[in-house]
Amino acid sequence: MADKRFSLKHKKELYYISLILVVGGILLLGFAGPGGYLELKKARRELELQRARVENLRRSNAERLITIEALKSDKEAIERYARKKGYGRENEIVQQLPENPED
């Protein structure tokens, strides 16, 4: 009789241990496996970086469109742009200094 109880008790222990191992394995795969929490977190981080990059590009594009419109219509904007590029008026001496003192 004692052998049957031991056998039944032993089977229950094995059942619970295997159940714990299976649940632990599922949790481990859900956390670190393919398509798991870590990959999801990494994908979200990359998505935020890409969204920030897109926003920076949109802002830069809008600034450039404003500059283009100004160059199309504003003579002072054209003159500022030309002077920035090193051009000057006729008989005018243009001195260009390096931007960094180390240059």
C-alpha atoms as a PDB file:
ATOM      1  CA  MET A   1       0.000   0.000   0.000  1.00  0.00           C
ATOM      2  CA  ALA A   2       2.839   2.323   0.771  1.00  0.00           C
ATOM      3  CA  ASP A   3       4.221   1.765  -2.700  1.00  0.00           C
ATOM      4  CA  LYS A   4       0.978   2.927  -4.343  1.00  0.00           C
ATOM      5  CA  ARG A   5       0.932   6.176  -2.336  1.00  0.00           C
ATOM      6  CA  PHE A   6       4.552   6.810  -3.142  1.00  0.00           C
ATOM      7  CA  SER A   7       3.892   6.101  -6.773  1.00  0.00           C
ATOM      8  CA  LEU A   8       0.845   8.387  -6.833  1.00  0.00           C
ATOM      9  CA  LYS A   9       2.692  11.102  -4.931  1.00  0.00           C
ATOM     10  CA  HIS A  10       5.679  10.728  -7.236  1.00  0.00           C
ATOM     11  CA  LYS A  11       3.440  11.035 -10.319  1.00  0.00           C
ATOM     12  CA  LYS A  12       1.836  14.198  -8.953  1.00  0.00           C
ATOM     13  CA  GLU A  13       5.258  15.723  -8.280  1.00  0.00           C
ATOM     14  CA  LEU A  14       6.407  14.881 -11.792  1.00  0.00           C
ATOM     15  CA  TYR A  15       3.187  16.363 -13.189  1.00  0.00           C
ATOM     16  CA  TYR A  16       3.641  19.628 -11.292  1.00  0.00           C
ATOM     17  CA  ILE A  17       7.342  19.851 -12.149  1.00  0.00           C
ATOM     18  CA  SER A  18       6.620  19.281 -15.840  1.00  0.00           C
ATOM     19  CA  LEU A  19       3.762  21.802 -15.696  1.00  0.00           C
ATOM     20  CA  ILE A  20       6.074  24.399 -14.120  1.00  0.00           C
ATOM     21  CA  LEU A  21       8.740  23.703 -16.753  1.00  0.00           C
ATOM     22  CA  VAL A  22       6.249  24.039 -19.613  1.00  0.00           C
ATOM     23  CA  VAL A  23       4.802  27.295 -18.253  1.00  0.00           C
ATOM     24  CA  GLY A  24       8.340  28.590 -17.598  1.00  0.00           C
ATOM     25  CA  GLY A  25       9.363  27.688 -21.151  1.00  0.00           C
ATOM     26  CA  ILE A  26       6.347  29.463 -22.596  1.00  0.00           C
ATOM     27  CA  LEU A  27       7.096  32.552 -20.518  1.00  0.00           C
ATOM     28  CA  LEU A  28      10.753  32.469 -21.554  1.00  0.00           C
ATOM     29  CA  LEU A  29       9.845  32.199 -25.229  1.00  0.00           C
ATOM     30  CA  GLY A  30       7.287  34.964 -24.843  1.00  0.00           C
ATOM     31  CA  PHE A  31       9.908  37.208 -23.309  1.00  0.00           C
ATOM     32  CA  ALA A  32      13.087  36.436 -25.252  1.00  0.00           C
ATOM     33  CA  GLY A  33      11.947  34.290 -28.167  1.00  0.00           C
ATOM     34  CA  PRO A  34      11.204  35.336 -31.733  1.00  0.00           C
ATOM     35  CA  GLY A  35       8.434  37.909 -31.716  1.00  0.00           C
ATOM     36  CA  GLY A  36       8.738  38.233 -27.959  1.00  0.00           C
ATOM     37  CA  TYR A  37       8.773  41.198 -25.640  1.00  0.00           C
ATOM     38  CA  LEU A  38      12.424  42.085 -26.252  1.00  0.00           C
ATOM     39  CA  GLU A  39      11.952  42.182 -30.019  1.00  0.00           C
ATOM     40  CA  LEU A  40       8.798  44.242 -29.599  1.00  0.00           C
ATOM     41  CA  LYS A  41      10.644  46.727 -27.398  1.00  0.00           C
ATOM     42  CA  LYS A  42      13.479  46.976 -29.934  1.00  0.00           C
ATOM     43  CA  ALA A  43      11.020  47.487 -32.806  1.00  0.00           C
ATOM     44  CA  ARG A  44       9.247  50.249 -30.879  1.00  0.00           C
ATOM     45  CA  ARG A  45      12.566  51.985 -30.226  1.00  0.00           C
ATOM     46  CA  GLU A  46      13.461  51.800 -33.925  1.00  0.00           C
ATOM     47  CA  LEU A  47      10.000  53.095 -34.859  1.00  0.00           C
ATOM     48  CA  GLU A  48      10.430  56.109 -32.574  1.00  0.00           C
ATOM     49  CA  LEU A  49      13.852  56.826 -34.092  1.00  0.00           C
ATOM     50  CA  GLN A  50      12.396  56.628 -37.598  1.00  0.00           C
ATOM     51  CA  ARG A  51       9.497  58.896 -36.643  1.00  0.00           C
ATOM     52  CA  ALA A  52      11.931  61.444 -35.211  1.00  0.00           C
ATOM     53  CA  ARG A  53      14.009  61.226 -38.389  1.00  0.00           C
ATOM     54  CA  VAL A  54      10.930  61.736 -40.569  1.00  0.00           C
ATOM     55  CA  GLU A  55       9.882  64.731 -38.470  1.00  0.00           C
ATOM     56  CA  ASN A  56      13.360  66.260 -38.827  1.00  0.00           C
ATOM     57  CA  LEU A  57      13.234  65.712 -42.585  1.00  0.00           C
ATOM     58  CA  ARG A  58       9.784  67.310 -42.803  1.00  0.00           C
ATOM     59  CA  ARG A  59      10.978  70.318 -40.818  1.00  0.00           C
ATOM     60  CA  SER A  60      14.078  70.627 -43.003  1.00  0.00           C
ATOM     61  CA  ASN A  61      11.947  70.297 -46.129  1.00  0.00           C
ATOM     62  CA  ALA A  62       9.597  73.053 -44.931  1.00  0.00           C
ATOM     63  CA  GLU A  63      12.555  75.356 -44.207  1.00  0.00           C
ATOM     64  CA  ARG A  64      13.983  74.708 -47.649  1.00  0.00           C
ATOM     65  CA  LEU A  65      10.641  75.404 -49.310  1.00  0.00           C
ATOM     66  CA  ILE A  66      10.464  78.735 -47.470  1.00  0.00           C
ATOM     67  CA  THR A  67      14.012  79.521 -48.622  1.00  0.00           C
ATOM     68  CA  ILE A  68      13.152  78.602 -52.215  1.00  0.00           C
ATOM     69  CA  GLU A  69      10.060  80.814 -52.193  1.00  0.00           C
ATOM     70  CA  ALA A  70      12.115  83.679 -50.736  1.00  0.00           C
ATOM     71  CA  LEU A  71      14.785  83.237 -53.426  1.00  0.00           C
ATOM     72  CA  LYS A  72      12.106  83.275 -56.118  1.00  0.00           C
ATOM     73  CA  SER A  73      10.538  86.536 -54.985  1.00  0.00           C
ATOM     74  CA  ASP A  74      12.788  88.499 -52.577  1.00  0.00           C
ATOM     75  CA  LYS A  75      15.811  90.309 -54.053  1.00  0.00           C
ATOM     76  CA  GLU A  76      17.336  90.811 -50.591  1.00  0.00           C
ATOM     77  CA  ALA A  77      17.186  87.063 -49.972  1.00  0.00           C
ATOM     78  CA  ILE A  78      18.955  86.473 -53.288  1.00  0.00           C
ATOM     79  CA  GLU A  79      21.656  88.975 -52.328  1.00  0.00           C
ATOM     80  CA  ARG A  80      22.116  87.404 -48.858  1.00  0.00           C
ATOM     81  CA  TYR A  81      22.433  83.953 -50.431  1.00  0.00           C
ATOM     82  CA  ALA A  82      24.924  85.185 -53.056  1.00  0.00           C
ATOM     83  CA  ARG A  83      27.038  86.926 -50.405  1.00  0.00           C
ATOM     84  CA  LYS A  84      27.028  83.792 -48.270  1.00  0.00           C
ATOM     85  CA  LYS A  85      28.411  81.900 -51.270  1.00  0.00           C
ATOM     86  CA  GLY A  86      31.176  84.468 -51.737  1.00  0.00           C
ATOM     87  CA  TYR A  87      29.784  86.626 -54.524  1.00  0.00           C
ATOM     88  CA  GLY A  88      29.834  90.399 -54.458  1.00  0.00           C
ATOM     89  CA  ARG A  89      28.822  93.413 -56.503  1.00  0.00           C
ATOM     90  CA  GLU A  90      30.904  94.768 -59.337  1.00  0.00           C
ATOM     91  CA  ASN A  91      34.148  96.446 -58.127  1.00  0.00           C
ATOM     92  CA  GLU A  92      33.539  95.173 -54.606  1.00  0.00           C
ATOM     93  CA  ILE A  93      36.241  93.329 -52.678  1.00  0.00           C
ATOM     94  CA  VAL A  94      34.996  90.275 -50.818  1.00  0.00           C
ATOM     95  CA  GLN A  95      37.059  88.993 -47.912  1.00  0.00           C
ATOM     96  CA  GLN A  96      36.349  85.501 -46.787  1.00  0.00           C
ATOM     97  CA  LEU A  97      37.459  84.464 -43.324  1.00  0.00           C
ATOM     98  CA  PRO A  98      37.572  80.839 -42.242  1.00  0.00           C
ATOM     99  CA  GLU A  99      34.626  79.786 -40.084  1.00  0.00           C
ATOM    100  CA  ASN A 100      36.872  78.022 -37.572  1.00  0.00           C
ATOM    101  CA  PRO A 101      39.957  79.798 -36.210  1.00  0.00           C
ATOM    102  CA  GLU A 102      41.923  76.559 -36.569  1.00  0.00           C
ATOM    103  CA  ASP A 103      41.513  76.504 -40.391  1.00  0.00           C
END
